[in-house]
PDB file of N, CA and C in Angstrom:
ATOM      1  N   UNK A   1     -15.176  24.968  42.739  1.00  0.00           N
ATOM      2  CA  UNK A   1     -15.334  26.170  43.551  1.00  0.00           C
ATOM      3  C   UNK A   1     -15.767  25.778  44.962  1.00  0.00           C
ATOM      4  N   UNK A   2     -15.577  26.685  45.872  1.00  0.00           N
ATOM      5  CA  UNK A   2     -15.925  26.440  47.265  1.00  0.00           C
ATOM      6  C   UNK A   2     -16.807  27.576  47.775  1.00  0.00           C
ATOM      7  N   UNK A   3     -17.428  27.350  48.916  1.00  0.00           N
ATOM      8  CA  UNK A   3     -18.277  28.361  49.531  1.00  0.00           C
ATOM      9  C   UNK A   3     -17.440  29.297  50.393  1.00  0.00           C
ATOM     10  N   UNK A   4     -18.012  30.445  50.671  1.00  0.00           N
ATOM     11  CA  UNK A   4     -17.430  31.394  51.619  1.00  0.00           C
ATOM     12  C   UNK A   4     -18.516  31.818  52.594  1.00  0.00           C
ATOM     13  N   UNK A   5     -18.092  32.275  53.766  1.00  0.00           N
ATOM     14  CA  UNK A   5     -19.023  32.777  54.764  1.00  0.00           C
ATOM     15  C   UNK A   5     -18.489  34.094  55.297  1.00  0.00           C
ATOM     16  N   UNK A   6     -19.381  35.041  55.490  1.00  0.00           N
ATOM     17  CA  UNK A   6     -19.006  36.323  56.081  1.00  0.00           C
ATOM     18  C   UNK A   6     -18.659  36.108  57.552  1.00  0.00           C
ATOM     19  N   UNK A   7     -17.734  36.882  58.087  1.00  0.00           N
ATOM     20  CA  UNK A   7     -17.338  36.702  59.485  1.00  0.00           C
ATOM     21  C   UNK A   7     -18.500  36.861  60.468  1.00  0.00           C
ATOM     22  N   UNK A   8     -19.414  37.775  60.180  1.00  0.00           N
ATOM     23  CA  UNK A   8     -20.566  37.966  61.060  1.00  0.00           C
ATOM     24  C   UNK A   8     -21.437  36.714  61.117  1.00  0.00           C
ATOM     25  N   UNK A   9     -21.625  36.087  59.969  1.00  0.00           N
ATOM     26  CA  UNK A   9     -22.438  34.864  59.913  1.00  0.00           C
ATOM     27  C   UNK A   9     -21.731  33.719  60.630  1.00  0.00           C
ATOM     28  N   UNK A  10     -20.405  33.641  60.493  1.00  0.00           N
ATOM     29  CA  UNK A  10     -19.671  32.594  61.184  1.00  0.00           C
ATOM     30  C   UNK A  10     -19.727  32.804  62.691  1.00  0.00           C
ATOM     31  N   UNK A  11     -19.537  34.023  63.128  1.00  0.00           N
ATOM     32  CA  UNK A  11     -19.613  34.297  64.571  1.00  0.00           C
ATOM     33  C   UNK A  11     -20.994  33.945  65.111  1.00  0.00           C
ATOM     34  N   UNK A  12     -22.053  34.271  64.372  1.00  0.00           N
ATOM     35  CA  UNK A  12     -23.407  33.928  64.806  1.00  0.00           C
ATOM     36  C   UNK A  12     -23.552  32.416  64.958  1.00  0.00           C
ATOM     37  N   UNK A  13     -22.999  31.663  64.013  1.00  0.00           N
ATOM     38  CA  UNK A  13     -23.060  30.203  64.098  1.00  0.00           C
ATOM     39  C   UNK A  13     -22.337  29.684  65.347  1.00  0.00           C
ATOM     40  N   UNK A  14     -21.166  30.249  65.647  1.00  0.00           N
ATOM     41  CA  UNK A  14     -20.434  29.790  66.833  1.00  0.00           C
ATOM     42  C   UNK A  14     -21.154  30.213  68.104  1.00  0.00           C
ATOM     43  N   UNK A  15     -21.650  31.439  68.131  1.00  0.00           N
ATOM     44  CA  UNK A  15     -22.345  31.937  69.323  1.00  0.00           C
ATOM     45  C   UNK A  15     -23.629  31.168  69.597  1.00  0.00           C
ATOM     46  N   UNK A  16     -24.288  30.706  68.538  1.00  0.00           N
ATOM     47  CA  UNK A  16     -25.562  29.992  68.684  1.00  0.00           C
ATOM     48  C   UNK A  16     -25.400  28.484  68.743  1.00  0.00           C
ATOM     49  N   UNK A  17     -24.163  27.997  68.737  1.00  0.00           N
ATOM     50  CA  UNK A  17     -23.924  26.558  68.791  1.00  0.00           C
ATOM     51  C   UNK A  17     -24.367  25.820  67.547  1.00  0.00           C
ATOM     52  N   UNK A  18     -24.314  26.496  66.398  1.00  0.00           N
ATOM     53  CA  UNK A  18     -24.815  25.918  65.146  1.00  0.00           C
ATOM     54  C   UNK A  18     -23.733  25.242  64.300  1.00  0.00           C
ATOM     55  N   UNK A  19     -22.521  25.141  64.811  1.00  0.00           N
ATOM     56  CA  UNK A  19     -21.470  24.514  64.007  1.00  0.00           C
ATOM     57  C   UNK A  19     -21.579  22.991  64.012  1.00  0.00           C
ATOM     58  N   UNK A  20     -22.272  22.440  64.983  1.00  0.00           N
ATOM     59  CA  UNK A  20     -22.397  20.986  65.045  1.00  0.00           C
ATOM     60  C   UNK A  20     -21.031  20.343  65.147  1.00  0.00           C
ATOM     61  N   UNK A  21     -20.786  19.349  64.290  1.00  0.00           N
ATOM     62  CA  UNK A  21     -19.497  18.658  64.334  1.00  0.00           C
ATOM     63  C   UNK A  21     -18.502  19.217  63.319  1.00  0.00           C
ATOM     64  N   UNK A  22     -18.790  20.412  62.793  1.00  0.00           N
ATOM     65  CA  UNK A  22     -17.889  21.042  61.827  1.00  0.00           C
ATOM     66  C   UNK A  22     -16.533  21.326  62.470  1.00  0.00           C
ATOM     67  N   UNK A  23     -15.519  21.349  61.644  1.00  0.00           N
ATOM     68  CA  UNK A  23     -14.165  21.649  62.077  1.00  0.00           C
ATOM     69  C   UNK A  23     -13.800  23.057  61.624  1.00  0.00           C
ATOM     70  N   UNK A  24     -13.227  23.844  62.520  1.00  0.00           N
ATOM     71  CA  UNK A  24     -12.661  25.136  62.145  1.00  0.00           C
ATOM     72  C   UNK A  24     -11.158  24.938  62.066  1.00  0.00           C
ATOM     73  N   UNK A  25     -10.619  25.079  60.881  1.00  0.00           N
ATOM     74  CA  UNK A  25      -9.209  24.843  60.634  1.00  0.00           C
ATOM     75  C   UNK A  25      -8.497  26.174  60.433  1.00  0.00           C
ATOM     76  N   UNK A  26      -7.536  26.453  61.297  1.00  0.00           N
ATOM     77  CA  UNK A  26      -6.749  27.684  61.227  1.00  0.00           C
ATOM     78  C   UNK A  26      -5.440  27.337  60.533  1.00  0.00           C
ATOM     79  N   UNK A  27      -5.193  27.941  59.361  1.00  0.00           N
ATOM     80  CA  UNK A  27      -4.033  27.575  58.552  1.00  0.00           C
ATOM     81  C   UNK A  27      -2.886  28.583  58.670  1.00  0.00           C
ATOM     82  N   UNK A  28      -2.928  29.401  59.713  1.00  0.00           N
ATOM     83  CA  UNK A  28      -1.844  30.358  59.944  1.00  0.00           C
ATOM     84  C   UNK A  28      -0.648  29.655  60.592  1.00  0.00           C
ATOM     85  N   UNK A  29       0.392  30.400  60.824  1.00  0.00           N
ATOM     86  CA  UNK A  29       1.603  29.887  61.463  1.00  0.00           C
ATOM     87  C   UNK A  29       1.449  29.916  62.987  1.00  0.00           C
ATOM     88  N   UNK A  30       2.224  29.109  63.710  1.00  0.00           N
ATOM     89  CA  UNK A  30       2.102  29.072  65.178  1.00  0.00           C
ATOM     90  C   UNK A  30       2.251  30.431  65.859  1.00  0.00           C
ATOM     91  N   UNK A  31       3.144  31.284  65.372  1.00  0.00           N
ATOM     92  CA  UNK A  31       3.306  32.595  66.007  1.00  0.00           C
ATOM     93  C   UNK A  31       2.056  33.452  65.839  1.00  0.00           C
ATOM     94  N   UNK A  32       1.343  33.280  64.717  1.00  0.00           N
ATOM     95  CA  UNK A  32       0.090  34.012  64.502  1.00  0.00           C
ATOM     96  C   UNK A  32      -0.986  33.475  65.447  1.00  0.00           C
ATOM     97  N   UNK A  33      -1.018  32.169  65.594  1.00  0.00           N
ATOM     98  CA  UNK A  33      -1.962  31.494  66.488  1.00  0.00           C
ATOM     99  C   UNK A  33      -1.766  31.977  67.929  1.00  0.00           C
ATOM    100  N   UNK A  34      -0.512  32.058  68.345  1.00  0.00           N
ATOM    101  CA  UNK A  34      -0.222  32.480  69.718  1.00  0.00           C
ATOM    102  C   UNK A  34      -0.672  33.916  69.971  1.00  0.00           C
ATOM    103  N   UNK A  35      -0.596  34.742  68.958  1.00  0.00           N
ATOM    104  CA  UNK A  35      -1.005  36.140  69.091  1.00  0.00           C
ATOM    105  C   UNK A  35      -2.505  36.247  69.324  1.00  0.00           C
ATOM    106  N   UNK A  36      -3.312  35.516  68.540  1.00  0.00           N
ATOM    107  CA  UNK A  36      -4.767  35.542  68.667  1.00  0.00           C
ATOM    108  C   UNK A  36      -5.337  34.357  67.910  1.00  0.00           C
ATOM    109  N   UNK A  37      -6.271  33.654  68.520  1.00  0.00           N
ATOM    110  CA  UNK A  37      -6.971  32.579  67.811  1.00  0.00           C
ATOM    111  C   UNK A  37      -8.383  32.405  68.345  1.00  0.00           C
ATOM    112  N   UNK A  38      -9.187  31.735  67.572  1.00  0.00           N
ATOM    113  CA  UNK A  38     -10.571  31.419  67.914  1.00  0.00           C
ATOM    114  C   UNK A  38     -10.559  30.136  68.735  1.00  0.00           C
ATOM    115  N   UNK A  39     -11.276  30.106  69.821  1.00  0.00           N
ATOM    116  CA  UNK A  39     -11.221  28.989  70.760  1.00  0.00           C
ATOM    117  C   UNK A  39     -11.529  27.634  70.129  1.00  0.00           C
ATOM    118  N   UNK A  40     -12.457  27.595  69.207  1.00  0.00           N
ATOM    119  CA  UNK A  40     -12.892  26.330  68.607  1.00  0.00           C
ATOM    120  C   UNK A  40     -11.967  25.819  67.503  1.00  0.00           C
ATOM    121  N   UNK A  41     -10.984  26.597  67.144  1.00  0.00           N
ATOM    122  CA  UNK A  41     -10.146  26.266  65.987  1.00  0.00           C
ATOM    123  C   UNK A  41      -9.085  25.216  66.293  1.00  0.00           C
ATOM    124  N   UNK A  42      -8.677  24.534  65.224  1.00  0.00           N
ATOM    125  CA  UNK A  42      -7.550  23.601  65.265  1.00  0.00           C
ATOM    126  C   UNK A  42      -6.470  24.170  64.358  1.00  0.00           C
ATOM    127  N   UNK A  43      -5.254  24.273  64.870  1.00  0.00           N
ATOM    128  CA  UNK A  43      -4.147  24.822  64.084  1.00  0.00           C
ATOM    129  C   UNK A  43      -3.540  23.747  63.189  1.00  0.00           C
ATOM    130  N   UNK A  44      -3.412  24.094  61.906  1.00  0.00           N
ATOM    131  CA  UNK A  44      -2.710  23.251  60.940  1.00  0.00           C
ATOM    132  C   UNK A  44      -2.147  24.188  59.874  1.00  0.00           C
ATOM    133  N   UNK A  45      -0.919  24.658  60.054  1.00  0.00           N
ATOM    134  CA  UNK A  45      -0.346  25.617  59.102  1.00  0.00           C
ATOM    135  C   UNK A  45      -0.467  25.142  57.646  1.00  0.00           C
ATOM    136  N   UNK A  46      -0.702  26.092  56.775  1.00  0.00           N
ATOM    137  CA  UNK A  46      -0.962  25.788  55.366  1.00  0.00           C
ATOM    138  C   UNK A  46       0.080  24.854  54.760  1.00  0.00           C
ATOM    139  N   UNK A  47       1.351  25.108  55.005  1.00  0.00           N
ATOM    140  CA  UNK A  47       2.392  24.293  54.380  1.00  0.00           C
ATOM    141  C   UNK A  47       2.428  22.861  54.893  1.00  0.00           C
ATOM    142  N   UNK A  48       1.792  22.586  56.022  1.00  0.00           N
ATOM    143  CA  UNK A  48       1.776  21.231  56.564  1.00  0.00           C
ATOM    144  C   UNK A  48       0.618  20.390  56.042  1.00  0.00           C
ATOM    145  N   UNK A  49      -0.340  21.012  55.400  1.00  0.00           N
ATOM    146  CA  UNK A  49      -1.567  20.309  55.005  1.00  0.00           C
ATOM    147  C   UNK A  49      -1.327  19.160  54.026  1.00  0.00           C
ATOM    148  N   UNK A  50      -0.499  19.313  52.985  1.00  0.00           N
ATOM    149  CA  UNK A  50      -0.324  18.165  52.078  1.00  0.00           C
ATOM    150  C   UNK A  50       0.113  16.882  52.788  1.00  0.00           C
ATOM    151  N   UNK A  51       0.922  16.991  53.812  1.00  0.00           N
ATOM    152  CA  UNK A  51       1.378  15.816  54.542  1.00  0.00           C
ATOM    153  C   UNK A  51       0.434  15.362  55.637  1.00  0.00           C
ATOM    154  N   UNK A  52      -0.648  16.131  55.842  1.00  0.00           N
ATOM    155  CA  UNK A  52      -1.567  15.812  56.938  1.00  0.00           C
ATOM    156  C   UNK A  52      -3.010  15.617  56.472  1.00  0.00           C
ATOM    157  N   UNK A  53      -3.210  15.410  55.186  1.00  0.00           N
ATOM    158  CA  UNK A  53      -4.572  15.251  54.667  1.00  0.00           C
ATOM    159  C   UNK A  53      -5.350  14.156  55.373  1.00  0.00           C
ATOM    160  N   UNK A  54      -4.684  13.081  55.744  1.00  0.00           N
ATOM    161  CA  UNK A  54      -5.367  11.958  56.389  1.00  0.00           C
ATOM    162  C   UNK A  54      -5.951  12.354  57.743  1.00  0.00           C
ATOM    163  N   UNK A  55      -5.486  13.436  58.338  1.00  0.00           N
ATOM    164  CA  UNK A  55      -6.002  13.896  59.629  1.00  0.00           C
ATOM    165  C   UNK A  55      -7.301  14.677  59.500  1.00  0.00           C
ATOM    166  N   UNK A  56      -7.641  15.066  58.283  1.00  0.00           N
ATOM    167  CA  UNK A  56      -8.827  15.890  58.067  1.00  0.00           C
ATOM    168  C   UNK A  56     -10.027  15.034  57.683  1.00  0.00           C
ATOM    169  N   UNK A  57     -11.201  15.348  58.231  1.00  0.00           N
ATOM    170  CA  UNK A  57     -12.397  14.561  57.945  1.00  0.00           C
ATOM    171  C   UNK A  57     -13.041  14.945  56.612  1.00  0.00           C
ATOM    172  N   UNK A  58     -13.289  13.965  55.780  1.00  0.00           N
ATOM    173  CA  UNK A  58     -13.978  14.231  54.517  1.00  0.00           C
ATOM    174  C   UNK A  58     -15.499  14.214  54.689  1.00  0.00           C
ATOM    175  N   UNK A  59     -15.966  13.760  55.838  1.00  0.00           N
ATOM    176  CA  UNK A  59     -17.403  13.636  56.071  1.00  0.00           C
ATOM    177  C   UNK A  59     -17.962  14.741  56.964  1.00  0.00           C
ATOM    178  N   UNK A  60     -17.190  15.792  57.183  1.00  0.00           N
ATOM    179  CA  UNK A  60     -17.645  16.916  58.001  1.00  0.00           C
ATOM    180  C   UNK A  60     -17.367  18.228  57.272  1.00  0.00           C
ATOM    181  N   UNK A  61     -18.109  19.249  57.625  1.00  0.00           N
ATOM    182  CA  UNK A  61     -17.847  20.585  57.101  1.00  0.00           C
ATOM    183  C   UNK A  61     -16.552  21.102  57.724  1.00  0.00           C
ATOM    184  N   UNK A  62     -15.708  21.729  56.897  1.00  0.00           N
ATOM    185  CA  UNK A  62     -14.477  22.333  57.391  1.00  0.00           C
ATOM    186  C   UNK A  62     -14.511  23.823  57.054  1.00  0.00           C
ATOM    187  N   UNK A  63     -14.537  24.646  58.097  1.00  0.00           N
ATOM    188  CA  UNK A  63     -14.419  26.092  57.953  1.00  0.00           C
ATOM    189  C   UNK A  63     -12.937  26.425  58.045  1.00  0.00           C
ATOM    190  N   UNK A  64     -12.433  27.190  57.089  1.00  0.00           N
ATOM    191  CA  UNK A  64     -10.998  27.447  57.029  1.00  0.00           C
ATOM    192  C   UNK A  64     -10.743  28.941  57.182  1.00  0.00           C
ATOM    193  N   UNK A  65      -9.778  29.252  58.062  1.00  0.00           N
ATOM    194  CA  UNK A  65      -9.458  30.646  58.356  1.00  0.00           C
ATOM    195  C   UNK A  65      -7.945  30.850  58.320  1.00  0.00           C
ATOM    196  N   UNK A  66      -7.541  32.040  57.914  1.00  0.00           N
ATOM    197  CA  UNK A  66      -6.138  32.461  58.003  1.00  0.00           C
ATOM    198  C   UNK A  66      -6.159  33.887  58.545  1.00  0.00           C
ATOM    199  N   UNK A  67      -5.176  34.686  58.239  1.00  0.00           N
ATOM    200  CA  UNK A  67      -5.141  36.051  58.761  1.00  0.00           C
ATOM    201  C   UNK A  67      -6.152  36.967  58.070  1.00  0.00           C
ATOM    202  N   UNK A  68      -6.198  36.905  56.717  1.00  0.00           N
ATOM    203  CA  UNK A  68      -7.060  37.817  55.969  1.00  0.00           C
ATOM    204  C   UNK A  68      -7.915  37.143  54.897  1.00  0.00           C
ATOM    205  N   UNK A  69      -7.802  35.848  54.732  1.00  0.00           N
ATOM    206  CA  UNK A  69      -8.653  35.136  53.791  1.00  0.00           C
ATOM    207  C   UNK A  69      -7.980  34.638  52.530  1.00  0.00           C
ATOM    208  N   UNK A  70      -6.709  34.955  52.322  1.00  0.00           N
ATOM    209  CA  UNK A  70      -6.024  34.543  51.096  1.00  0.00           C
ATOM    210  C   UNK A  70      -5.504  33.114  51.209  1.00  0.00           C
ATOM    211  N   UNK A  71      -4.750  32.824  52.260  1.00  0.00           N
ATOM    212  CA  UNK A  71      -4.242  31.456  52.444  1.00  0.00           C
ATOM    213  C   UNK A  71      -5.391  30.473  52.599  1.00  0.00           C
ATOM    214  N   UNK A  72      -6.416  30.868  53.336  1.00  0.00           N
ATOM    215  CA  UNK A  72      -7.545  29.952  53.532  1.00  0.00           C
ATOM    216  C   UNK A  72      -8.258  29.654  52.216  1.00  0.00           C
ATOM    217  N   UNK A  73      -8.347  30.635  51.329  1.00  0.00           N
ATOM    218  CA  UNK A  73      -8.942  30.390  50.018  1.00  0.00           C
ATOM    219  C   UNK A  73      -8.102  29.385  49.234  1.00  0.00           C
ATOM    220  N   UNK A  74      -6.780  29.529  49.301  1.00  0.00           N
ATOM    221  CA  UNK A  74      -5.897  28.576  48.622  1.00  0.00           C
ATOM    222  C   UNK A  74      -6.049  27.176  49.197  1.00  0.00           C
ATOM    223  N   UNK A  75      -6.180  27.078  50.508  1.00  0.00           N
ATOM    224  CA  UNK A  75      -6.378  25.763  51.133  1.00  0.00           C
ATOM    225  C   UNK A  75      -7.726  25.184  50.713  1.00  0.00           C
ATOM    226  N   UNK A  76      -8.746  26.004  50.621  1.00  0.00           N
ATOM    227  CA  UNK A  76     -10.054  25.516  50.147  1.00  0.00           C
ATOM    228  C   UNK A  76      -9.924  24.903  48.757  1.00  0.00           C
ATOM    229  N   UNK A  77      -9.262  25.612  47.846  1.00  0.00           N
ATOM    230  CA  UNK A  77      -9.043  25.077  46.498  1.00  0.00           C
ATOM    231  C   UNK A  77      -8.299  23.743  46.562  1.00  0.00           C
ATOM    232  N   UNK A  78      -7.253  23.696  47.339  1.00  0.00           N
ATOM    233  CA  UNK A  78      -6.440  22.482  47.456  1.00  0.00           C
ATOM    234  C   UNK A  78      -7.266  21.310  47.996  1.00  0.00           C
ATOM    235  N   UNK A  79      -8.021  21.563  49.053  1.00  0.00           N
ATOM    236  CA  UNK A  79      -8.832  20.486  49.631  1.00  0.00           C
ATOM    237  C   UNK A  79      -9.909  20.010  48.654  1.00  0.00           C
ATOM    238  N   UNK A  80     -10.527  20.931  47.937  1.00  0.00           N
ATOM    239  CA  UNK A  80     -11.526  20.533  46.929  1.00  0.00           C
ATOM    240  C   UNK A  80     -10.890  19.631  45.877  1.00  0.00           C
ATOM    241  N   UNK A  81      -9.680  19.949  45.451  1.00  0.00           N
ATOM    242  CA  UNK A  81      -8.978  19.140  44.460  1.00  0.00           C
ATOM    243  C   UNK A  81      -8.605  17.773  45.010  1.00  0.00           C
ATOM    244  N   UNK A  82      -8.600  17.633  46.323  1.00  0.00           N
ATOM    245  CA  UNK A  82      -8.218  16.377  46.953  1.00  0.00           C
ATOM    246  C   UNK A  82      -9.398  15.652  47.596  1.00  0.00           C
ATOM    247  N   UNK A  83     -10.597  15.897  47.081  1.00  0.00           N
ATOM    248  CA  UNK A  83     -11.766  15.116  47.471  1.00  0.00           C
ATOM    249  C   UNK A  83     -12.539  15.580  48.678  1.00  0.00           C
ATOM    250  N   UNK A  84     -12.288  16.790  49.166  1.00  0.00           N
ATOM    251  CA  UNK A  84     -13.055  17.334  50.285  1.00  0.00           C
ATOM    252  C   UNK A  84     -14.190  18.172  49.703  1.00  0.00           C
ATOM    253  N   UNK A  85     -15.415  17.751  49.946  1.00  0.00           N
ATOM    254  CA  UNK A  85     -16.559  18.406  49.323  1.00  0.00           C
ATOM    255  C   UNK A  85     -17.068  19.628  50.073  1.00  0.00           C
ATOM    256  N   UNK A  86     -17.004  19.613  51.394  1.00  0.00           N
ATOM    257  CA  UNK A  86     -17.670  20.633  52.197  1.00  0.00           C
ATOM    258  C   UNK A  86     -16.651  21.513  52.918  1.00  0.00           C
ATOM    259  N   UNK A  87     -15.993  22.392  52.159  1.00  0.00           N
ATOM    260  CA  UNK A  87     -15.031  23.337  52.724  1.00  0.00           C
ATOM    261  C   UNK A  87     -15.555  24.754  52.519  1.00  0.00           C
ATOM    262  N   UNK A  88     -15.396  25.573  53.548  1.00  0.00           N
ATOM    263  CA  UNK A  88     -15.940  26.933  53.525  1.00  0.00           C
ATOM    264  C   UNK A  88     -14.872  27.905  53.996  1.00  0.00           C
ATOM    265  N   UNK A  89     -14.594  28.909  53.183  1.00  0.00           N
ATOM    266  CA  UNK A  89     -13.622  29.940  53.516  1.00  0.00           C
ATOM    267  C   UNK A  89     -14.281  31.019  54.370  1.00  0.00           C
ATOM    268  N   UNK A  90     -13.626  31.404  55.469  1.00  0.00           N
ATOM    269  CA  UNK A  90     -14.118  32.502  56.299  1.00  0.00           C
ATOM    270  C   UNK A  90     -13.528  33.791  55.740  1.00  0.00           C
ATOM    271  N   UNK A  91     -14.375  34.596  55.119  1.00  0.00           N
ATOM    272  CA  UNK A  91     -13.929  35.819  54.454  1.00  0.00           C
ATOM    273  C   UNK A  91     -13.345  36.805  55.451  1.00  0.00           C
ATOM    274  N   UNK A  92     -12.270  37.456  55.053  1.00  0.00           N
ATOM    275  CA  UNK A  92     -11.639  38.454  55.898  1.00  0.00           C
ATOM    276  C   UNK A  92     -10.733  37.869  56.959  1.00  0.00           C
ATOM    277  N   UNK A  93     -10.796  36.545  57.144  1.00  0.00           N
ATOM    278  CA  UNK A  93      -9.903  35.846  58.051  1.00  0.00           C
ATOM    279  C   UNK A  93     -10.019  36.240  59.510  1.00  0.00           C
ATOM    280  N   UNK A  94      -8.957  35.933  60.225  1.00  0.00           N
ATOM    281  CA  UNK A  94      -8.925  36.178  61.660  1.00  0.00           C
ATOM    282  C   UNK A  94      -8.996  37.668  61.969  1.00  0.00           C
ATOM    283  N   UNK A  95      -8.489  38.509  61.094  1.00  0.00           N
ATOM    284  CA  UNK A  95      -8.579  39.952  61.311  1.00  0.00           C
ATOM    285  C   UNK A  95     -10.033  40.388  61.407  1.00  0.00           C
ATOM    286  N   UNK A  96     -10.872  39.867  60.521  1.00  0.00           N
ATOM    287  CA  UNK A  96     -12.294  40.225  60.539  1.00  0.00           C
ATOM    288  C   UNK A  96     -13.001  39.628  61.753  1.00  0.00           C
ATOM    289  N   UNK A  97     -12.683  38.384  62.096  1.00  0.00           N
ATOM    290  CA  UNK A  97     -13.291  37.771  63.277  1.00  0.00           C
ATOM    291  C   UNK A  97     -12.880  38.501  64.552  1.00  0.00           C
ATOM    292  N   UNK A  98     -11.598  38.856  64.657  1.00  0.00           N
ATOM    293  CA  UNK A  98     -11.109  39.567  65.835  1.00  0.00           C
ATOM    294  C   UNK A  98     -11.796  40.926  65.983  1.00  0.00           C
ATOM    295  N   UNK A  99     -11.989  41.610  64.862  1.00  0.00           N
ATOM    296  CA  UNK A  99     -12.642  42.922  64.891  1.00  0.00           C
ATOM    297  C   UNK A  99     -14.057  42.822  65.455  1.00  0.00           C
ATOM    298  N   UNK A 100     -14.735  41.714  65.196  1.00  0.00           N
ATOM    299  CA  UNK A 100     -16.082  41.526  65.728  1.00  0.00           C
ATOM    300  C   UNK A 100     -16.079  41.437  67.250  1.00  0.00           C
ATOM    301  N   UNK A 101     -14.940  41.077  67.811  1.00  0.00           N
ATOM    302  CA  UNK A 101     -14.797  41.003  69.269  1.00  0.00           C
ATOM    303  C   UNK A 101     -14.066  42.221  69.834  1.00  0.00           C
ATOM    304  N   UNK A 102     -13.851  43.232  68.980  1.00  0.00           N
ATOM    305  CA  UNK A 102     -13.206  44.451  69.438  1.00  0.00           C
ATOM    306  C   UNK A 102     -11.701  44.348  69.593  1.00  0.00           C
ATOM    307  N   UNK A 103     -11.095  43.347  68.945  1.00  0.00           N
ATOM    308  CA  UNK A 103      -9.659  43.155  69.035  1.00  0.00           C
ATOM    309  C   UNK A 103      -9.015  43.615  67.738  1.00  0.00           C
ATOM    310  N   UNK A 104      -8.011  44.453  67.831  1.00  0.00           N
ATOM    311  CA  UNK A 104      -7.275  44.915  66.650  1.00  0.00           C
ATOM    312  C   UNK A 104      -6.228  43.878  66.310  1.00  0.00           C
ATOM    313  N   UNK A 105      -6.444  43.106  65.250  1.00  0.00           N
ATOM    314  CA  UNK A 105      -5.547  42.000  64.904  1.00  0.00           C
ATOM    315  C   UNK A 105      -4.203  42.472  64.376  1.00  0.00           C
ATOM    316  N   UNK A 106      -4.247  43.448  63.479  1.00  0.00           N
ATOM    317  CA  UNK A 106      -2.979  43.941  62.918  1.00  0.00           C
ATOM    318  C   UNK A 106      -3.058  45.395  62.550  1.00  0.00           C
TER     319      UNK A 106
END
């Protein structure tokens, strides 16, 4: 199993500089990224992850986001099965994060 974080708690961490060296991984598609994304995020579409595992740090926390939290949950499961211990799903996805900034995502 993996951890989850509420969007409000994640935003507080980013606003307060509490992410440290954690990675925010956005697993949406490029067209979704272009529409709206979080400044600190790194784009890596979900379907590309199996071929790019070596690019991901196993020694850092990885916060994972998608549009609504479903793809990111699947990526969390996948990463846990592949030896990543510290993965955290951002609940509600980018839609929830965008709403906190007053942006209507969809």
